[in-house]
Amino acid sequence: MPSRQEVANVLLAQLLVERGLVAAPEQILQVHNKGKSSVQMPDVLLDFQGLRLVIEAEWSSTPSAAKRAYEKAQGRLSDGVAHIGVAVVYPARLRQLALKAQKEGLASATLQFAILTEASELTRDLFVGATVPDFDGGGVDDLSAALRRSYEQLAQDTTLENAVVRMQDAISEFLGGLRSQPATIERMGLALGVREKGQMGAQKRQATARIAGLILVNAMIFQEVLAQTQTRVSPLRRFASDADIVKNLREHWRLILDEINYWPIFDTAFHVLDSLTANDDMRRAVQEMADTALWVVGRRAALRHDLAGRIFHRLLAEAKHLGAFYTSIPAATLLLKLSLPQSDRLDWSDLEAVKGLAVADFACGTGTLLMAAADSLLDNYVWSCGERGVVPQINQFQAAVVEKVLYGFDVLPSAIHLTASTLSLRVPDTAIQCDQSGLYEPWG
C-alpha cells in the first residue's frame, strides 16, 4: 500500500533530528487533525532553535506539487502557526517503499525544497499562472545546511531593519519640518506629558520631537491596518497627496475616537497632530510619514514584531532626558520565557483557561515586556495544541490575550500609545475590542 505523505514528513523530521538541527525525537509533534475545520494543522511541527518550524510537502506525482507545498508552507507563516516553513517535493518512487525502507530511501534521495521565513517579503499574489519560486535540489544534508542559513538570515531581521530605517528617515524629515515652528514642540510636550515648567532644554526638545514623530507614523500604520477591517476607517492613500493632510488626518482621527474608540492610540496621536501649524515643510513631512506607513504595512512580517519598541530603543541616548529607563528586547524575551514556562499546571490549549491569567507591567514604556509575554504565551499555546491534537485559533488567541490577559500602565501617554499599538498590531487582521479598563484606559 502506498505510503502517505504525512509519514514521509515525520521521517524527514527524524532525519533532521539526527543531524542535530531540531528538537529531540520525543518533541516531534505529529498533529492529527480532529473533526472538520477550515484551518488544518501541519503534519509536523518542530522546535528549531527556539522557533516553530513546519514541514509541508507533496509527492512529485501530484499536479503542481511545488506550488501546492509552497502555498501551504506560506499559509503557516501568514496564520502565525510557524516562524519558518519548509516546502518539500518528495520523489514519487519513495511512496512505494515499505515503511522500514522509506527512511533510508529518504536519507539518500534528491529532494526539491524551498524555505520560507517571516523575513521573506513574499505576498500571497506571488504565483502568476504556472510560475513558482525556484526550488533547490539536494539531499537531507543540503536541506539542513539551507535551514541553518535561513536561521542566520532570519536572525539578521532584514525586513525589520529596513522598516526601522524607513521610519527613522521619515521621523528625521519631520524634525526638519519642526525647525520653523519652535512653539510646536512645546505644545507636543504637553500632549506627551513630558513638558515641565518653563521651556524645555535643547536635548529634551529633540527627544520630544522624535517621540512625537514616532507616534504619528505609528498611528498612520494602525489606521491603514484598521481600514482593512473597518469600513468607517479611510485608507491612508486617500490622504497621501492631500494638500491639507494635517487637517484632514486630524478630523479623521477625531472620527475614529468618537465612533470606534482605540483611545490609547489615536487620542495621543490626535493631540500631537493638533499641535502642528500648517506650512509646506510640515505638509511634506507628514506625507512622507504616510508613505512610510504604507510601506511598512506592506511588509506584514514587521507588524508582528515590536517595531515601535525597536525604533524607540534607537533613541535611548535621549531617554535619560525623559527620566526613563527601558528594558532591552533580548532581556525581555529571556525574562518572560523563564517566567512563563509550559507546565502541566495549566492547559495552554484551553483558551478560556488562558483568559484567566493576568500579566501586568506597571511601567510599560514601549510594551517590550508585554510583547515578550505575548510571544511566550503564544508559544505555549501552539505547542500545547500540537500535543493534544487541537487546531490552534491563532488570531482568536492573540486577540484574547491582548483584550483579557495583558495590562499596561504608565504615567506617559506616549508609552500607553506605543504599547497599545504594538500589542494590537500582533493581530492586524482582527479587530481588538476596546473597553474602558486595563490597557485601554483613556488617559487624561
Protein backbone atom coordinates (compact mmCIF):
# COMPACT_ATOMS: atom_id res chain seq x y z
CA MET A 1 0.00 0.00 0.00
CA PRO A 2 1.47 3.41 -0.97
CA SER A 3 2.72 5.45 1.96
CA ARG A 4 1.02 8.69 2.97
CA GLN A 5 2.90 11.95 2.55
CA GLU A 6 2.46 12.72 6.27
CA VAL A 7 4.59 9.68 7.12
CA ALA A 8 7.41 10.98 4.92
CA ASN A 9 7.22 14.32 6.74
CA VAL A 10 7.71 12.64 10.12
CA LEU A 11 10.62 10.59 8.75
CA LEU A 12 12.20 13.77 7.37
CA ALA A 13 11.81 15.38 10.80
CA GLN A 14 13.58 12.42 12.37
CA LEU A 15 16.45 12.77 9.90
CA LEU A 16 16.76 16.45 10.80
CA VAL A 17 16.86 15.48 14.50
CA GLU A 18 19.68 13.03 13.83
CA ARG A 19 21.65 15.88 12.26
CA GLY A 20 21.25 17.96 15.42
CA LEU A 21 19.10 20.53 13.66
CA VAL A 22 15.81 20.33 15.54
CA ALA A 23 14.42 19.11 18.85
CA ALA A 24 14.75 15.62 20.32
CA PRO A 25 12.53 12.87 18.80
CA GLU A 26 10.06 12.87 21.68
CA GLN A 27 9.37 16.53 20.96
CA ILE A 28 8.39 15.98 17.33
CA LEU A 29 4.69 16.70 17.17
CA GLN A 30 2.77 14.82 14.50
CA VAL A 31 -0.59 16.56 14.59
CA HIS A 32 -3.67 14.56 13.62
CA ASN A 33 -6.44 16.92 12.64
CA LYS A 34 -9.61 16.21 14.58
CA GLY A 35 -13.05 16.89 13.18
CA LYS A 36 -13.81 19.29 10.38
CA SER A 37 -12.07 22.61 10.31
CA SER A 38 -11.25 25.16 7.66
CA VAL A 39 -7.87 25.59 9.39
CA GLN A 40 -5.78 22.40 9.29
CA MET A 41 -2.72 21.93 11.43
CA PRO A 42 0.56 20.97 9.76
CA ASP A 43 1.53 17.30 9.81
CA VAL A 44 4.78 18.06 11.64
CA LEU A 45 5.61 20.95 13.97
CA LEU A 46 9.21 21.20 15.17
CA ASP A 47 11.27 23.25 17.61
CA PHE A 48 14.08 24.76 15.53
CA GLN A 49 16.45 26.74 17.79
CA GLY A 50 13.52 28.23 19.69
CA LEU A 51 11.44 28.89 16.57
CA ARG A 52 8.41 26.95 15.34
CA LEU A 53 9.14 25.14 12.08
CA VAL A 54 6.63 23.25 9.91
CA ILE A 55 7.14 20.81 7.07
CA GLU A 56 4.66 20.90 4.19
CA ALA A 57 5.22 18.52 1.31
CA GLU A 58 3.80 16.86 -1.79
CA TRP A 59 4.75 13.84 -3.89
CA SER A 60 6.31 14.73 -7.25
CA SER A 61 3.45 12.87 -8.96
CA THR A 62 0.94 15.41 -7.59
CA PRO A 63 -0.09 18.09 -10.14
CA SER A 64 1.55 21.47 -9.36
CA ALA A 65 3.34 19.80 -6.43
CA ALA A 66 5.84 22.61 -5.80
CA LYS A 67 3.17 25.30 -5.85
CA ARG A 68 0.88 23.35 -3.52
CA ALA A 69 3.64 22.69 -0.98
CA TYR A 70 4.86 26.28 -1.13
CA GLU A 71 1.40 27.78 -0.65
CA LYS A 72 0.71 25.52 2.34
CA ALA A 73 4.02 26.50 3.98
CA GLN A 74 3.35 30.15 3.21
CA GLY A 75 -0.08 29.83 4.84
CA ARG A 76 1.52 28.59 8.07
CA LEU A 77 3.59 31.77 8.28
CA SER A 78 0.66 34.02 7.40
CA ASP A 79 -1.50 32.36 10.07
CA GLY A 80 1.21 32.71 12.71
CA VAL A 81 1.50 28.94 13.33
CA ALA A 82 5.18 28.90 12.35
CA HIS A 83 8.20 31.18 12.04
CA ILE A 84 9.83 29.01 9.35
CA GLY A 85 8.20 26.78 6.74
CA VAL A 86 9.81 24.04 4.65
CA ALA A 87 8.11 23.22 1.35
CA VAL A 88 9.30 19.86 0.04
CA VAL A 89 8.61 17.75 -3.04
CA TYR A 90 9.40 14.06 -2.46
CA PRO A 91 10.30 11.67 -5.31
CA ALA A 92 7.16 9.64 -6.05
CA ARG A 93 9.15 6.37 -6.00
CA LEU A 94 9.59 6.68 -2.20
CA ARG A 95 5.87 6.27 -1.79
CA GLN A 96 6.06 2.65 -2.93
CA LEU A 97 8.72 1.65 -0.40
CA ALA A 98 7.89 -0.28 2.73
CA LEU A 99 7.87 1.85 5.87
CA LYS A 100 11.12 0.32 7.18
CA ALA A 101 12.91 1.13 3.91
CA GLN A 102 11.38 4.56 3.43
CA LYS A 103 13.57 6.38 5.95
CA GLU A 104 16.75 5.04 4.36
CA GLY A 105 15.41 5.86 0.92
CA LEU A 106 14.53 9.39 2.04
CA ALA A 107 18.02 9.88 3.53
CA SER A 108 19.65 9.15 0.15
CA ALA A 109 17.02 10.78 -2.09
CA THR A 110 17.30 14.03 -4.01
CA LEU A 111 14.58 16.37 -2.74
CA GLN A 112 13.20 19.60 -4.14
CA PHE A 113 12.74 22.15 -1.36
CA ALA A 114 12.18 25.81 -0.58
CA ILE A 115 12.42 27.56 2.80
CA LEU A 116 10.21 30.43 3.87
CA THR A 117 10.76 32.70 6.85
CA GLU A 118 8.92 35.66 8.34
CA ALA A 119 11.60 37.88 6.82
CA SER A 120 10.62 36.84 3.29
CA GLU A 121 8.99 39.77 1.52
CA LEU A 122 6.67 37.49 -0.43
CA THR A 123 2.97 38.08 -0.87
CA ARG A 124 0.00 35.81 -1.42
CA ASP A 125 -0.12 37.06 -5.02
CA LEU A 126 3.32 35.60 -5.71
CA PHE A 127 2.10 32.92 -8.11
CA VAL A 128 1.11 34.09 -11.57
CA GLY A 129 -0.17 31.35 -13.85
CA ALA A 130 2.11 28.34 -13.60
CA THR A 131 5.13 30.23 -12.27
CA VAL A 132 6.56 29.10 -8.94
CA PRO A 133 9.67 30.16 -7.00
CA ASP A 134 12.79 28.18 -7.78
CA PHE A 135 13.16 25.13 -5.53
CA ASP A 136 16.63 23.94 -4.54
CA GLY A 137 17.62 20.36 -5.20
CA GLY A 138 19.63 18.17 -2.85
CA GLY A 139 19.63 15.65 -0.07
CA VAL A 140 18.74 15.97 3.61
CA ASP A 141 22.20 17.36 4.37
CA ASP A 142 21.66 20.11 1.80
CA LEU A 143 18.29 20.89 3.35
CA SER A 144 19.93 21.05 6.80
CA ALA A 145 22.55 23.49 5.55
CA ALA A 146 19.87 25.64 3.90
CA LEU A 147 17.86 25.74 7.12
CA ARG A 148 20.90 26.92 9.07
CA ARG A 149 21.50 29.69 6.53
CA SER A 150 17.83 30.69 6.73
CA TYR A 151 18.07 30.88 10.50
CA GLU A 152 21.06 33.19 10.23
CA GLN A 153 19.23 35.40 7.74
CA LEU A 154 16.16 35.49 9.99
CA ALA A 155 18.33 36.44 12.95
CA GLN A 156 19.60 39.41 10.94
CA ASP A 157 15.97 40.55 10.62
CA THR A 158 16.48 42.38 7.32
CA THR A 159 12.82 43.24 6.79
CA LEU A 160 12.52 44.62 10.29
CA GLU A 161 15.77 46.56 9.97
CA ASN A 162 14.59 48.09 6.69
CA ALA A 163 11.33 49.13 8.34
CA VAL A 164 13.24 50.72 11.22
CA VAL A 165 15.46 52.67 8.80
CA ARG A 166 12.48 53.86 6.75
CA MET A 167 10.64 55.04 9.84
CA GLN A 168 13.73 56.78 11.20
CA ASP A 169 14.17 58.62 7.89
CA ALA A 170 10.56 59.79 7.98
CA ILE A 171 10.96 60.99 11.58
CA SER A 172 14.13 62.87 10.60
CA GLU A 173 12.20 64.72 7.89
CA PHE A 174 9.55 65.52 10.48
CA LEU A 175 12.25 67.04 12.70
CA GLY A 176 13.32 69.17 9.78
CA GLY A 177 9.77 70.42 9.35
CA LEU A 178 9.69 71.47 13.00
CA ARG A 179 12.67 73.82 12.71
CA SER A 180 10.43 76.65 11.58
CA GLN A 181 7.88 76.15 14.39
CA PRO A 182 9.68 76.05 17.77
CA ALA A 183 6.48 76.60 19.75
CA THR A 184 5.06 73.37 18.30
CA ILE A 185 7.50 71.22 20.28
CA GLU A 186 6.38 72.91 23.50
CA ARG A 187 2.76 72.04 22.66
CA MET A 188 3.73 68.47 21.80
CA GLY A 189 5.48 68.20 25.15
CA LEU A 190 2.13 68.84 26.83
CA ALA A 191 0.42 66.21 24.65
CA LEU A 192 3.09 63.66 25.55
CA GLY A 193 3.13 64.53 29.25
CA VAL A 194 6.84 65.41 29.30
CA ARG A 195 6.78 69.23 29.44
CA GLU A 196 7.94 70.83 32.67
CA LYS A 197 7.51 74.40 33.88
CA GLY A 198 9.26 76.81 31.61
CA GLN A 199 10.82 75.97 28.28
CA MET A 200 12.42 72.60 27.62
CA GLY A 201 16.14 72.29 27.11
CA ALA A 202 17.54 71.53 23.64
CA GLN A 203 18.12 67.82 24.29
CA LYS A 204 14.69 67.26 25.76
CA ARG A 205 13.10 69.16 22.86
CA GLN A 206 14.90 66.85 20.43
CA ALA A 207 13.74 63.74 22.30
CA THR A 208 10.17 65.02 22.48
CA ALA A 209 10.07 65.78 18.76
CA ARG A 210 11.39 62.33 17.83
CA ILE A 211 8.89 60.53 20.05
CA ALA A 212 6.08 62.68 18.62
CA GLY A 213 7.17 61.70 15.10
CA LEU A 214 7.21 58.03 16.01
CA ILE A 215 3.70 58.29 17.45
CA LEU A 216 2.38 59.90 14.26
CA VAL A 217 3.87 57.21 11.99
CA ASN A 218 2.62 54.54 14.37
CA ALA A 219 -0.92 55.90 14.30
CA MET A 220 -0.84 56.03 10.50
CA ILE A 221 0.25 52.38 10.38
CA PHE A 222 -2.59 51.49 12.71
CA GLN A 223 -5.08 53.47 10.63
CA GLU A 224 -4.09 51.59 7.46
CA VAL A 225 -4.41 48.25 9.24
CA LEU A 226 -7.81 49.21 10.69
CA ALA A 227 -9.02 50.25 7.22
CA GLN A 228 -8.69 46.60 6.15
CA THR A 229 -11.44 45.52 8.55
CA GLN A 230 -13.31 48.73 9.48
CA THR A 231 -15.39 50.33 6.72
CA ARG A 232 -15.54 53.66 8.58
CA VAL A 233 -11.76 53.98 8.59
CA SER A 234 -10.32 55.50 5.40
CA PRO A 235 -7.15 54.06 3.81
CA LEU A 236 -4.08 56.26 4.05
CA ARG A 237 -3.83 56.63 0.27
CA ARG A 238 -6.81 58.97 0.41
CA PHE A 239 -4.63 61.41 2.35
CA ALA A 240 -1.19 60.80 0.82
CA SER A 241 -1.33 63.61 -1.77
CA ASP A 242 -3.75 65.79 0.19
CA ALA A 243 -2.86 69.49 0.16
CA ASP A 244 -4.15 69.78 3.73
CA ILE A 245 -3.12 66.39 5.04
CA VAL A 246 -2.62 67.58 8.63
CA LYS A 247 -6.15 68.99 8.93
CA ASN A 248 -7.87 66.07 7.23
CA LEU A 249 -5.96 63.41 9.16
CA ARG A 250 -6.81 65.21 12.39
CA GLU A 251 -10.51 65.23 11.51
CA HIS A 252 -10.43 61.55 10.59
CA TRP A 253 -8.68 60.55 13.82
CA ARG A 254 -11.32 62.52 15.71
CA LEU A 255 -13.99 60.44 13.94
CA ILE A 256 -12.19 57.20 14.90
CA LEU A 257 -12.03 58.35 18.53
CA ASP A 258 -15.71 59.33 18.66
CA GLU A 259 -17.22 56.43 16.74
CA ILE A 260 -14.83 53.47 17.06
CA ASN A 261 -12.51 54.03 20.08
CA TYR A 262 -8.85 52.90 20.15
CA TRP A 263 -8.26 55.80 22.54
CA PRO A 264 -4.72 54.99 23.71
CA ILE A 265 -3.53 55.03 20.11
CA PHE A 266 -5.42 57.85 18.45
CA ASP A 267 -6.01 60.24 21.35
CA THR A 268 -2.30 60.82 21.92
CA ALA A 269 -1.62 60.97 18.17
CA PHE A 270 -4.55 63.38 17.68
CA HIS A 271 -3.14 65.82 20.25
CA VAL A 272 0.33 65.61 18.68
CA LEU A 273 -1.14 66.32 15.24
CA ASP A 274 -3.25 69.11 16.69
CA SER A 275 -0.04 70.78 17.93
CA LEU A 276 1.29 71.32 14.40
CA THR A 277 0.96 74.51 12.40
CA ALA A 278 0.46 74.29 8.66
CA ASN A 279 3.30 75.04 6.22
CA ASP A 280 4.79 73.33 3.17
CA ASP A 281 7.68 71.73 5.07
CA MET A 282 5.35 70.11 7.58
CA ARG A 283 2.90 69.01 4.88
CA ARG A 284 5.73 67.25 3.01
CA ALA A 285 6.99 65.66 6.24
CA VAL A 286 3.56 64.28 7.16
CA GLN A 287 3.06 62.98 3.60
CA GLU A 288 6.42 61.21 3.85
CA MET A 289 5.24 59.64 7.11
CA ALA A 290 2.09 58.41 5.36
CA ASP A 291 4.16 56.88 2.53
CA THR A 292 6.40 55.18 5.08
CA ALA A 293 3.39 53.80 6.97
CA LEU A 294 2.05 52.30 3.73
CA TRP A 295 5.44 50.72 3.02
CA VAL A 296 5.58 49.16 6.49
CA VAL A 297 2.04 47.76 6.30
CA GLY A 298 3.01 46.11 3.01
CA ARG A 299 5.67 44.14 4.91
CA ARG A 300 3.46 42.04 7.15
CA ALA A 301 6.41 40.47 8.98
CA ALA A 302 7.30 43.84 10.51
CA LEU A 303 3.84 44.17 12.04
CA ARG A 304 4.26 41.03 14.14
CA HIS A 305 7.27 42.45 15.97
CA ASP A 306 7.98 45.19 18.44
CA LEU A 307 8.69 47.66 15.63
CA ALA A 308 7.93 50.80 17.65
CA GLY A 309 9.98 49.46 20.56
CA ARG A 310 12.97 48.80 18.34
CA ILE A 311 12.87 52.32 16.98
CA PHE A 312 12.37 53.78 20.44
CA HIS A 313 15.42 51.88 21.66
CA ARG A 314 17.42 53.65 18.97
CA LEU A 315 16.52 56.84 20.84
CA LEU A 316 17.96 55.64 24.16
CA ALA A 317 20.57 58.37 24.03
CA GLU A 318 17.70 60.78 24.58
CA ALA A 319 15.74 58.62 27.03
CA LYS A 320 17.62 59.95 30.04
CA HIS A 321 16.20 63.39 29.31
CA LEU A 322 12.72 61.93 29.91
CA GLY A 323 13.78 60.29 33.18
CA ALA A 324 13.08 56.85 31.67
CA PHE A 325 14.89 53.51 31.52
CA TYR A 326 13.82 50.87 29.00
CA THR A 327 14.17 47.08 29.01
CA SER A 328 16.17 45.67 26.10
CA ILE A 329 14.34 43.26 23.79
CA PRO A 330 16.69 40.25 24.41
CA ALA A 331 16.43 40.73 28.18
CA ALA A 332 12.63 40.88 27.97
CA THR A 333 12.46 37.71 25.88
CA LEU A 334 14.69 35.77 28.28
CA LEU A 335 12.82 37.02 31.34
CA LEU A 336 9.38 36.08 30.04
CA LYS A 337 10.47 32.68 28.73
CA LEU A 338 11.67 31.91 32.25
CA SER A 339 8.59 33.42 33.89
CA LEU A 340 6.01 31.63 31.72
CA PRO A 341 7.21 28.05 31.23
CA GLN A 342 4.93 25.47 29.63
CA SER A 343 3.83 23.34 32.58
CA ASP A 344 1.13 20.82 33.46
CA ARG A 345 -0.48 23.25 35.89
CA LEU A 346 -2.38 24.93 33.06
CA ASP A 347 -3.92 23.52 29.89
CA TRP A 348 -2.41 26.08 27.49
CA SER A 349 -4.57 24.80 24.63
CA ASP A 350 -7.71 25.88 26.55
CA LEU A 351 -8.40 29.46 25.52
CA GLU A 352 -10.79 30.04 28.42
CA ALA A 353 -8.14 28.87 30.91
CA VAL A 354 -5.57 31.23 29.42
CA LYS A 355 -8.05 34.11 29.70
CA GLY A 356 -7.92 33.58 33.46
CA LEU A 357 -4.31 34.73 33.56
CA ALA A 358 -3.25 38.32 34.24
CA VAL A 359 0.14 39.74 33.22
CA ALA A 360 0.75 43.34 34.20
CA ASP A 361 3.55 45.83 33.64
CA PHE A 362 3.11 48.91 35.83
CA ALA A 363 5.72 50.94 33.94
CA CYS A 364 5.18 49.53 30.47
CA GLY A 365 7.23 52.04 28.43
CA THR A 366 7.08 50.82 24.82
CA GLY A 367 5.50 47.49 25.81
CA THR A 368 8.64 45.38 25.34
CA LEU A 369 7.95 43.16 28.36
CA LEU A 370 4.30 42.71 27.41
CA MET A 371 5.29 41.82 23.83
CA ALA A 372 7.66 39.19 25.19
CA ALA A 373 4.85 37.89 27.41
CA ALA A 374 2.54 37.65 24.40
CA ASP A 375 5.21 35.70 22.48
CA SER A 376 5.73 33.27 25.36
CA LEU A 377 2.00 32.73 25.79
CA LEU A 378 1.59 32.05 22.07
CA ASP A 379 4.47 29.55 22.05
CA ASN A 380 2.90 27.67 24.96
CA TYR A 381 -0.49 27.69 23.25
CA VAL A 382 0.73 26.37 19.88
CA TRP A 383 2.88 23.61 21.40
CA SER A 384 0.09 22.56 23.73
CA CYS A 385 -2.39 22.44 20.85
CA GLY A 386 0.04 20.26 18.93
CA GLU A 387 0.44 17.83 21.83
CA ARG A 388 -3.33 17.49 22.22
CA GLY A 389 -4.17 17.37 18.52
CA VAL A 390 -6.19 20.59 18.76
CA VAL A 391 -6.31 23.05 15.86
CA PRO A 392 -4.97 26.38 17.21
CA GLN A 393 -7.01 29.52 16.60
CA ILE A 394 -4.08 31.93 16.40
CA ASN A 395 -5.93 35.20 15.80
CA GLN A 396 -8.58 34.45 18.42
CA PHE A 397 -5.87 33.55 20.93
CA GLN A 398 -3.82 36.68 20.29
CA ALA A 399 -6.90 38.92 20.45
CA ALA A 400 -7.99 37.32 23.73
CA VAL A 401 -4.53 37.79 25.24
CA VAL A 402 -4.45 41.48 24.30
CA GLU A 403 -8.03 42.08 25.48
CA LYS A 404 -8.14 39.96 28.64
CA VAL A 405 -4.67 38.97 29.86
CA LEU A 406 -2.17 41.81 29.35
CA TYR A 407 -2.34 45.04 31.36
CA GLY A 408 -0.07 48.01 30.74
CA PHE A 409 0.19 51.17 32.84
CA ASP A 410 2.44 54.20 32.55
CA VAL A 411 2.49 57.85 33.57
CA LEU A 412 3.32 58.91 29.98
CA PRO A 413 0.53 58.93 27.35
CA SER A 414 3.19 58.25 24.71
CA ALA A 415 4.08 54.98 26.46
CA ILE A 416 0.45 53.83 26.52
CA HIS A 417 0.13 54.70 22.83
CA LEU A 418 3.21 52.69 21.85
CA THR A 419 2.27 49.70 23.99
CA ALA A 420 -1.35 49.58 22.82
CA SER A 421 -0.48 49.84 19.14
CA THR A 422 2.39 47.35 19.35
CA LEU A 423 0.20 44.71 21.01
CA SER A 424 -2.80 45.30 18.77
CA LEU A 425 -0.69 45.00 15.61
CA ARG A 426 0.15 41.42 16.57
CA VAL A 427 -3.24 40.55 15.04
CA PRO A 428 -3.56 43.04 12.18
CA ASP A 429 -6.47 41.13 10.60
CA THR A 430 -8.55 41.02 13.79
CA ALA A 431 -10.38 43.92 15.42
CA ILE A 432 -9.44 44.31 19.09
CA GLN A 433 -12.41 45.04 21.33
CA CYS A 434 -11.51 48.15 23.31
CA ASP A 435 -13.15 48.68 26.67
CA GLN A 436 -12.61 51.16 29.47
CA SER A 437 -10.27 49.01 31.56
CA GLY A 438 -6.66 47.84 31.73
CA LEU A 439 -4.55 48.69 28.73
CA TYR A 440 -7.34 50.63 27.03
CA GLU A 441 -8.00 53.12 29.81
CA PRO A 442 -8.19 56.61 28.22
CA TRP A 443 -5.65 58.97 29.70
CA GLY A 444 -6.23 62.48 30.91
